Protein backbone atom coordinates (compact mmCIF):
# COMPACT_ATOMS: atom_id res chain seq x y z
CA MET A 1 58.72 -24.64 3.61
CA SER A 2 58.23 -28.05 5.05
CA VAL A 3 58.72 -30.55 7.96
CA THR A 4 60.30 -34.15 7.68
CA VAL A 5 58.48 -36.73 9.86
CA SER A 6 60.80 -39.73 10.01
CA LEU A 7 59.42 -42.52 12.46
CA SER A 8 59.82 -46.34 12.88
CA VAL A 9 57.91 -48.84 14.91
CA ASP A 10 57.69 -52.69 15.07
CA VAL A 11 54.15 -54.27 14.83
CA PRO A 12 52.96 -55.54 18.22
CA PRO A 13 51.57 -58.88 18.61
CA GLU A 14 47.96 -57.24 19.20
CA LEU A 15 47.95 -55.69 15.80
CA ALA A 16 49.28 -58.61 13.92
CA GLY A 17 46.95 -59.47 11.05
CA LEU A 18 45.20 -56.01 10.57
CA ARG A 19 44.95 -54.08 7.29
CA LEU A 20 48.24 -51.79 7.18
CA ASP A 21 45.98 -48.65 7.20
CA GLN A 22 44.41 -49.87 10.47
CA ALA A 23 47.55 -50.84 12.01
CA ALA A 24 49.15 -47.56 11.04
CA ALA A 25 46.34 -45.54 12.59
CA GLN A 26 46.89 -47.09 15.82
CA LEU A 27 50.63 -46.85 15.68
CA PHE A 28 50.63 -43.25 14.34
CA GLY A 29 47.74 -42.13 15.95
CA GLU A 30 48.97 -38.30 15.85
CA TYR A 31 48.11 -38.30 12.27
CA SER A 32 44.75 -38.71 10.61
CA ARG A 33 43.58 -41.89 8.77
CA GLU A 34 43.11 -39.95 5.53
CA ARG A 35 46.65 -38.69 5.66
CA LEU A 36 48.23 -42.03 6.43
CA LYS A 37 46.28 -43.69 3.57
CA GLU A 38 47.94 -41.05 1.18
CA TRP A 39 51.31 -41.82 2.60
CA ILE A 40 50.79 -45.36 2.11
CA LYS A 41 49.65 -44.98 -1.37
CA ASP A 42 52.46 -42.71 -2.03
CA GLY A 43 55.16 -45.24 -0.67
CA ARG A 44 56.22 -42.82 2.10
CA LEU A 45 54.84 -45.22 4.68
CA THR A 46 56.39 -48.72 3.93
CA VAL A 47 56.56 -52.26 5.61
CA SER A 48 59.92 -53.62 6.34
CA GLY A 49 61.25 -51.54 3.27
CA ARG A 50 58.41 -52.58 0.67
CA SER A 51 55.60 -50.73 -0.62
CA CYS A 52 52.13 -51.90 0.16
CA LYS A 53 48.57 -51.35 -0.28
CA PRO A 54 46.28 -49.80 2.58
CA LYS A 55 44.31 -53.13 2.59
CA GLU A 56 47.56 -55.59 3.07
CA ARG A 57 47.69 -57.41 6.32
CA VAL A 58 50.76 -56.79 8.35
CA ALA A 59 52.55 -59.40 10.45
CA GLU A 60 53.75 -59.13 14.02
CA GLY A 61 57.74 -57.82 14.19
CA GLU A 62 57.19 -56.13 10.99
CA THR A 63 58.64 -52.64 10.89
CA LEU A 64 56.57 -49.53 9.65
CA VAL A 65 58.55 -46.86 8.37
CA LEU A 66 57.27 -43.53 7.88
CA GLN A 67 59.29 -40.95 5.89
CA ALA A 68 57.04 -38.07 4.60
CA GLU A 69 57.07 -34.19 4.53
CA LEU A 70 54.51 -32.13 5.84
CA ASP A 71 53.94 -29.52 3.37
CA VAL A 72 52.49 -26.03 3.27
CA GLU A 73 48.63 -26.43 3.84
CA THR A 74 47.61 -22.64 3.95
CA ALA A 75 48.12 -20.23 1.15
CA ALA A 76 47.10 -17.34 3.04
CA GLN A 77 49.50 -14.68 4.04
CA ALA A 78 50.83 -13.47 7.56
CA GLN A 79 49.12 -10.30 8.73
CA ASP A 80 50.21 -8.50 11.74
CA ILE A 81 46.53 -8.14 13.32
CA ALA A 82 46.12 -8.15 17.36
CA LEU A 83 44.76 -11.00 18.83
CA THR A 84 43.75 -11.58 22.30
CA ILE A 85 45.25 -14.79 23.57
CA VAL A 86 43.22 -16.52 26.83
CA TYR A 87 45.80 -19.56 26.73
CA GLU A 88 48.66 -20.88 24.80
CA ASP A 89 51.39 -23.71 25.13
CA GLU A 90 53.26 -25.61 22.41
CA TYR A 91 50.20 -27.75 21.22
CA LEU A 92 47.16 -25.22 21.30
CA LEU A 93 46.13 -21.72 21.61
CA VAL A 94 42.90 -20.34 22.69
CA ILE A 95 41.46 -17.12 21.10
CA ASP A 96 38.99 -14.68 22.21
CA LYS A 97 37.72 -13.38 18.92
CA PRO A 98 36.33 -9.67 18.73
CA ALA A 99 33.02 -9.30 16.85
CA GLY A 100 33.76 -8.39 13.25
CA LEU A 101 36.87 -10.46 12.65
CA VAL A 102 36.33 -13.03 9.76
CA VAL A 103 37.74 -16.59 10.85
CA HIS A 104 38.92 -17.79 7.40
CA PRO A 105 39.72 -15.91 4.17
CA GLY A 106 36.94 -16.27 1.57
CA ALA A 107 34.72 -14.33 -1.14
CA GLY A 108 34.75 -10.63 -0.02
CA ASN A 109 37.37 -11.24 2.77
CA PRO A 110 40.54 -12.31 1.15
CA ASP A 111 42.57 -10.92 3.92
CA GLY A 112 42.49 -9.20 7.44
CA THR A 113 41.25 -12.49 9.11
CA LEU A 114 41.94 -14.38 12.18
CA MET A 115 43.72 -17.10 9.79
CA ASN A 116 46.13 -14.34 8.56
CA ALA A 117 46.71 -13.07 12.24
CA LEU A 118 47.34 -16.58 13.39
CA LEU A 119 49.98 -17.29 10.80
CA HIS A 120 51.78 -13.94 11.68
CA HIS A 121 51.62 -15.08 15.57
CA HIS A 122 53.01 -18.51 14.63
CA GLU A 123 54.48 -19.22 11.18
CA ASP A 124 54.60 -22.97 11.46
CA LEU A 125 50.64 -23.06 11.61
CA ASN A 126 51.10 -22.84 7.73
CA LEU A 127 51.89 -26.61 7.76
CA LEU A 128 48.40 -27.42 9.33
CA PRO A 129 45.00 -27.64 7.68
CA ARG A 130 43.44 -24.38 7.99
CA ALA A 131 46.28 -22.79 10.15
CA GLY A 132 45.11 -25.06 12.83
CA ILE A 133 41.62 -23.64 13.19
CA VAL A 134 39.40 -26.80 14.13
CA HIS A 135 36.31 -24.91 14.37
CA ARG A 136 34.81 -21.42 13.70
CA ILE A 137 32.50 -18.76 14.81
CA ASP A 138 30.67 -16.32 12.47
CA LYS A 139 32.40 -13.10 11.66
CA ASP A 140 29.89 -10.99 14.07
CA THR A 141 29.90 -13.42 16.95
CA SER A 142 32.45 -12.89 19.60
CA GLY A 143 34.02 -15.20 22.03
CA LEU A 144 36.33 -18.33 22.23
CA LEU A 145 37.77 -20.51 19.93
CA VAL A 146 40.70 -23.04 20.06
CA VAL A 147 43.49 -23.35 17.55
CA ALA A 148 45.88 -26.44 17.15
CA LYS A 149 49.69 -25.89 16.78
CA THR A 150 50.75 -29.43 15.98
CA LEU A 151 49.29 -31.73 13.59
CA PRO A 152 48.97 -34.35 16.48
CA ALA A 153 46.94 -31.66 18.44
CA HIS A 154 44.93 -30.74 15.21
CA THR A 155 43.88 -34.82 14.89
CA SER A 156 42.95 -34.96 18.71
CA LEU A 157 40.79 -31.72 18.96
CA SER A 158 39.13 -32.64 15.51
CA ALA A 159 38.32 -36.03 16.86
CA GLN A 160 36.75 -34.45 20.15
CA LEU A 161 34.46 -32.25 18.04
CA ALA A 162 33.49 -35.18 15.83
CA ASP A 163 32.80 -37.24 19.02
CA LYS A 164 30.84 -34.00 20.62
CA THR A 165 33.09 -33.69 23.78
CA VAL A 166 34.14 -30.12 23.42
CA TYR A 167 31.90 -28.13 25.63
CA ARG A 168 30.63 -24.95 23.94
CA GLU A 169 28.57 -22.44 25.85
CA TYR A 170 27.11 -19.27 24.41
CA GLU A 171 25.43 -16.16 25.88
CA ALA A 172 22.58 -14.68 23.60
CA VAL A 173 19.84 -12.13 23.75
CA VAL A 174 16.54 -13.03 21.70
CA ALA A 175 13.43 -11.54 20.73
CA GLY A 176 10.35 -12.33 22.92
CA VAL A 177 9.84 -13.53 26.42
CA LEU A 178 10.69 -17.40 26.73
CA THR A 179 8.69 -19.08 29.37
CA GLY A 180 11.30 -21.78 29.96
CA GLY A 181 14.46 -23.40 28.90
CA GLY A 182 14.42 -26.27 26.39
CA THR A 183 16.15 -28.10 23.57
CA VAL A 184 16.07 -27.47 19.84
CA ASP A 185 16.44 -30.90 18.17
CA ALA A 186 16.03 -30.08 14.37
CA ALA A 187 18.56 -31.02 11.23
CA ILE A 188 19.87 -28.01 9.55
CA ASP A 189 21.47 -27.79 6.11
CA ARG A 190 22.05 -25.24 3.28
CA HIS A 191 18.56 -23.41 2.27
CA PRO A 192 17.22 -24.90 -0.95
CA THR A 193 16.84 -21.61 -2.88
CA ASP A 194 18.58 -18.92 -0.65
CA ARG A 195 22.43 -20.26 -0.72
CA VAL A 196 23.73 -17.87 1.71
CA ARG A 197 21.27 -19.13 4.30
CA MET A 198 21.01 -22.40 6.54
CA ALA A 199 17.58 -23.73 7.26
CA VAL A 200 15.77 -26.31 9.38
CA VAL A 201 15.35 -29.12 7.05
CA SER A 202 11.55 -29.99 8.28
CA THR A 203 10.39 -26.29 7.40
CA TRP A 204 11.19 -27.14 3.55
CA GLY A 205 7.95 -29.02 2.78
CA ASP A 206 8.48 -31.95 0.63
CA HIS A 207 12.39 -31.26 0.23
CA GLU A 208 13.70 -34.71 0.58
CA GLN A 209 17.19 -33.93 1.74
CA LYS A 210 17.67 -34.92 5.24
CA GLY A 211 20.53 -32.24 6.34
CA ARG A 212 22.81 -32.74 9.04
CA ASP A 213 21.98 -33.64 12.88
CA ALA A 214 21.87 -30.33 15.21
CA VAL A 215 21.14 -30.24 18.82
CA THR A 216 21.00 -26.82 20.88
CA HIS A 217 20.02 -26.66 24.48
CA TYR A 218 19.02 -23.28 26.01
CA ARG A 219 18.42 -21.79 29.78
CA ILE A 220 16.83 -18.63 30.85
CA LEU A 221 19.30 -16.22 32.51
CA ALA A 222 16.97 -13.12 32.67
CA ARG A 223 13.58 -12.08 31.19
CA PHE A 224 12.89 -8.46 30.14
CA ARG A 225 9.72 -6.66 28.83
CA GLY A 226 10.13 -8.42 25.13
CA HIS A 227 13.49 -9.97 25.30
CA THR A 228 15.27 -12.82 27.02
CA HIS A 229 18.94 -13.42 27.83
CA VAL A 230 19.75 -16.90 27.41
CA ARG A 231 22.57 -19.29 27.87
CA VAL A 232 22.90 -21.96 24.98
CA GLN A 233 24.79 -24.93 25.16
CA LEU A 234 25.95 -26.64 21.56
CA GLU A 235 25.98 -30.62 21.37
CA THR A 236 26.67 -30.16 17.59
CA GLY A 237 28.37 -27.59 15.59
CA ARG A 238 26.62 -26.75 12.41
CA THR A 239 27.08 -23.78 10.65
CA HIS A 240 24.72 -20.75 12.10
CA GLN A 241 23.24 -23.32 14.21
CA ILE A 242 22.22 -21.01 17.39
CA ARG A 243 21.06 -18.44 14.90
CA VAL A 244 18.79 -20.93 12.87
CA HIS A 245 17.60 -22.79 15.82
CA MET A 246 16.61 -19.78 17.88
CA SER A 247 14.69 -18.30 14.57
CA HIS A 248 13.25 -21.62 14.22
CA ILE A 249 11.44 -21.40 17.63
CA HIS A 250 10.41 -17.77 16.82
CA HIS A 251 13.04 -16.42 18.93
CA PRO A 252 15.78 -15.09 16.92
CA LEU A 253 18.51 -13.02 17.93
CA ILE A 254 18.77 -9.16 18.61
CA GLY A 255 20.59 -7.67 15.68
CA ASP A 256 20.56 -11.08 13.35
CA PRO A 257 20.44 -9.65 9.56
CA VAL A 258 19.97 -12.96 8.03
CA TYR A 259 17.50 -14.70 10.44
CA GLY A 260 16.19 -11.90 12.64
CA GLY A 261 12.98 -11.56 10.64
CA ARG A 262 10.77 -8.64 10.97
CA MET A 263 11.71 -6.83 14.21
CA ARG A 264 9.60 -6.93 17.14
CA LEU A 265 9.47 -4.29 19.72
CA PRO A 266 7.45 -4.54 23.07
CA LYS A 267 4.55 -2.04 23.64
CA GLY A 268 5.36 0.86 26.26
CA GLY A 269 9.18 0.39 25.89
CA THR A 270 11.19 3.34 26.85
CA PRO A 271 12.98 5.05 23.81
CA ALA A 272 16.55 4.07 25.30
CA MET A 273 15.49 0.47 24.80
CA ILE A 274 14.11 0.91 21.30
CA ARG A 275 17.28 2.77 20.18
CA ALA A 276 19.46 -0.03 21.77
CA VAL A 277 17.60 -3.12 20.10
CA GLN A 278 16.97 -1.35 16.76
CA ASN A 279 20.70 -0.07 16.55
CA PHE A 280 22.33 -3.13 17.78
CA PRO A 281 25.23 -3.68 15.02
CA ARG A 282 25.27 -7.66 15.21
CA GLN A 283 23.66 -10.61 16.33
CA ALA A 284 23.57 -10.61 20.21
CA LEU A 285 25.89 -14.02 20.42
CA HIS A 286 28.91 -14.40 22.59
CA ALA A 287 30.76 -17.81 22.90
CA ARG A 288 31.34 -17.58 26.69
CA ARG A 289 32.80 -21.01 27.58
CA LEU A 290 34.94 -23.43 26.11
CA GLY A 291 35.98 -26.83 27.66
CA LEU A 292 38.09 -29.76 26.05
CA VAL A 293 40.74 -32.45 26.97
CA HIS A 294 44.22 -31.28 26.38
CA PRO A 295 45.45 -33.27 22.99
CA VAL A 296 48.60 -34.21 24.81
CA THR A 297 48.71 -34.16 28.61
CA GLY A 298 45.07 -35.41 28.87
CA GLU A 299 44.05 -32.77 31.45
CA GLU A 300 40.40 -31.20 31.29
CA MET A 301 40.74 -27.60 30.58
CA SER A 302 38.17 -25.01 30.56
CA TRP A 303 38.07 -21.09 29.63
CA GLU A 304 35.79 -18.17 30.06
CA SER A 305 35.21 -15.13 28.01
CA PRO A 306 33.40 -12.08 29.77
CA LEU A 307 30.48 -10.70 27.80
CA PRO A 308 31.78 -7.78 25.56
CA ALA A 309 31.03 -4.42 26.23
CA ASP A 310 28.07 -3.92 23.62
CA MET A 311 26.40 -6.99 24.90
CA GLN A 312 26.91 -5.87 28.59
CA ALA A 313 25.39 -2.32 27.74
CA LEU A 314 22.37 -3.82 25.76
CA LEU A 315 21.41 -5.98 28.74
CA ALA A 316 21.52 -3.26 31.10
CA ILE A 317 19.31 -0.95 29.15
CA LEU A 318 16.78 -3.71 28.92
CA ALA A 319 16.83 -4.47 32.68
CA GLU A 320 16.36 -0.73 32.92
CA ASP A 321 13.39 -0.89 30.45
CA ALA A 322 11.81 -3.80 32.41
CA ALA A 323 11.99 -1.90 35.87
CA THR A 324 9.67 0.66 34.41
CA SER A 325 7.06 -1.85 33.29
């Protein structure tokens, strides 16, 4: 399955003298620079009927003609898996993902993922990279994520994420009692010896790898006997960022099997509180709010997802325990 792209546009005076790939990026802004460069090299984006190299200059009045095919990008199979759709139009949809649902197929999860569900919901998503998924949240994290339904929307949303203009706010329950809000500004990269983990680079001693910039802001919502309910805002979106950063400042998420470390239980806690913390089945993390600029209308949009029942129950038990202290 493929979709034909057929576009033609004349070079305006203000773009005369630019490299072909630079002019094309402005005239066909709905497609990524990398994709346009491939089409130029393949002769599918021509200048007044002739094939050119990306670096060749264009002149005023020349006609850029794009004749290309958008081929299937995703090999995953469609599966009828229920989705909670918070918002949808012809350009994007916002999903409220439950804990336990993997976003992409991978080792150990060949199917039964959000991607499989999306392909069943909207077949044309197989023409987009990763079925339109432009960012992800961990399997055992719940909450909101946005999916592009068209290539121009995919390009726009990816650019917003790269420019750090997508607003992403989470709620989490962490070990220990925080005294105030703050910011963690610490680069993250793959752990040098345990490849399933991420780590703050500064904890590696003399390791020379710089990692990728990562910034997390957190504010206190409620304090309990030995735990804290926090609101977290991401400035960047690195793998496991919140989990790694909160562990780095010695306040790991309740239920985190990878970064939680040795479980700390406060003295004098009620049996109900101890059971709730010990048995919480996942990292206590929920993608609560999502905000972005609509890729076509330019409208600022935002959505909110209520805390799931398991986190609400955990917070209620922590509050009851705190009331007895």
